[in-house]
């Protein structure tokens, strides 16, 4: 099964964002498009979803962390259904 690495998108127009909420933990199952992490900039809050159905194998961040574009957020092991 493939491991998908999800990174901070460069769509915020900001140099950094704060991790305001972590919805899932390592070992949790997640559906495609289900929010895993919420990022907060001075302009908006945005959920970062899983791109695949699977299981969270690693979180690279915790709440209150400051993150930057292209920094790893979490890894998902892709699983069918």
Protein backbone atom coordinates (compact mmCIF):
# COMPACT_ATOMS: atom_id res chain seq x y z
CA UNK A 1 0.00 0.00 0.00
CA UNK A 2 1.22 3.49 -0.85
CA UNK A 3 2.08 6.14 1.71
CA UNK A 4 0.88 9.62 0.70
CA UNK A 5 2.70 12.59 2.24
CA UNK A 6 0.48 15.67 2.67
CA UNK A 7 2.23 19.03 2.83
CA UNK A 8 1.26 22.61 3.68
CA UNK A 9 -0.24 24.03 0.47
CA UNK A 10 1.21 27.20 -0.98
CA UNK A 11 -2.29 28.56 -1.62
CA UNK A 12 -2.59 30.66 1.53
CA UNK A 13 -0.56 33.54 0.12
CA UNK A 14 1.20 33.61 3.48
CA UNK A 15 4.73 32.70 4.56
CA UNK A 16 3.41 30.76 7.54
CA UNK A 17 0.27 29.43 9.20
CA UNK A 18 -0.60 28.09 12.63
CA UNK A 19 -1.97 24.61 13.22
CA UNK A 20 -5.18 25.50 15.02
CA UNK A 21 -6.73 22.03 15.29
CA UNK A 22 -5.77 18.40 14.64
CA UNK A 23 -8.88 16.31 13.92
CA UNK A 24 -7.18 12.89 13.54
CA UNK A 25 -4.38 11.03 15.28
CA UNK A 26 -1.91 8.41 14.08
CA UNK A 27 -3.73 5.12 13.60
CA UNK A 28 -7.10 6.73 12.80
CA UNK A 29 -8.93 5.80 9.61
CA UNK A 30 -9.72 8.70 7.30
CA UNK A 31 -11.89 9.08 4.22
CA UNK A 32 -10.87 10.93 1.09
CA UNK A 33 -11.61 14.67 1.51
CA UNK A 34 -12.07 14.30 5.30
CA UNK A 35 -10.35 17.08 7.27
CA UNK A 36 -7.25 16.02 9.19
CA UNK A 37 -5.68 19.35 10.18
CA UNK A 38 -6.95 22.95 10.33
CA UNK A 39 -4.54 25.78 9.49
CA UNK A 40 -5.05 29.39 10.50
CA UNK A 41 -3.50 32.43 8.83
CA UNK A 42 -4.17 36.08 9.56
CA UNK A 43 -6.68 35.98 6.67
CA UNK A 44 -8.53 32.67 6.99
CA UNK A 45 -8.87 29.21 8.49
CA UNK A 46 -8.71 26.21 6.18
CA UNK A 47 -9.07 22.49 6.61
CA UNK A 48 -6.44 20.23 5.05
CA UNK A 49 -8.13 16.99 3.96
CA UNK A 50 -6.81 13.55 3.21
CA UNK A 51 -6.35 13.05 -0.53
CA UNK A 52 -7.14 9.30 -0.22
CA UNK A 53 -9.08 6.77 1.85
CA UNK A 54 -6.72 5.24 4.36
CA UNK A 55 -5.11 5.36 7.78
CA UNK A 56 -3.06 8.16 9.30
CA UNK A 57 0.40 6.70 9.88
CA UNK A 58 2.18 9.83 11.09
CA UNK A 59 1.41 13.39 12.11
CA UNK A 60 4.31 15.76 11.57
CA UNK A 61 2.63 18.62 13.48
CA UNK A 62 0.74 19.33 16.69
CA UNK A 63 -1.70 22.06 17.62
CA UNK A 64 -0.14 25.53 17.93
CA UNK A 65 2.81 24.65 15.63
CA UNK A 66 3.80 27.24 13.05
CA UNK A 67 4.15 25.72 9.59
CA UNK A 68 5.42 26.93 6.23
CA UNK A 69 4.54 26.08 2.60
CA UNK A 70 5.74 22.63 1.48
CA UNK A 71 6.33 21.46 5.08
CA UNK A 72 4.99 17.93 5.81
CA UNK A 73 1.71 17.80 7.76
CA UNK A 74 0.80 14.11 7.87
CA UNK A 75 1.23 10.77 6.10
CA UNK A 76 -1.66 8.55 5.02
CA UNK A 77 -1.39 4.89 4.11
CA UNK A 78 -3.77 4.46 1.23
CA UNK A 79 -6.32 1.68 1.78
CA UNK A 80 -9.32 0.57 -0.24
CA UNK A 81 -12.62 1.68 1.33
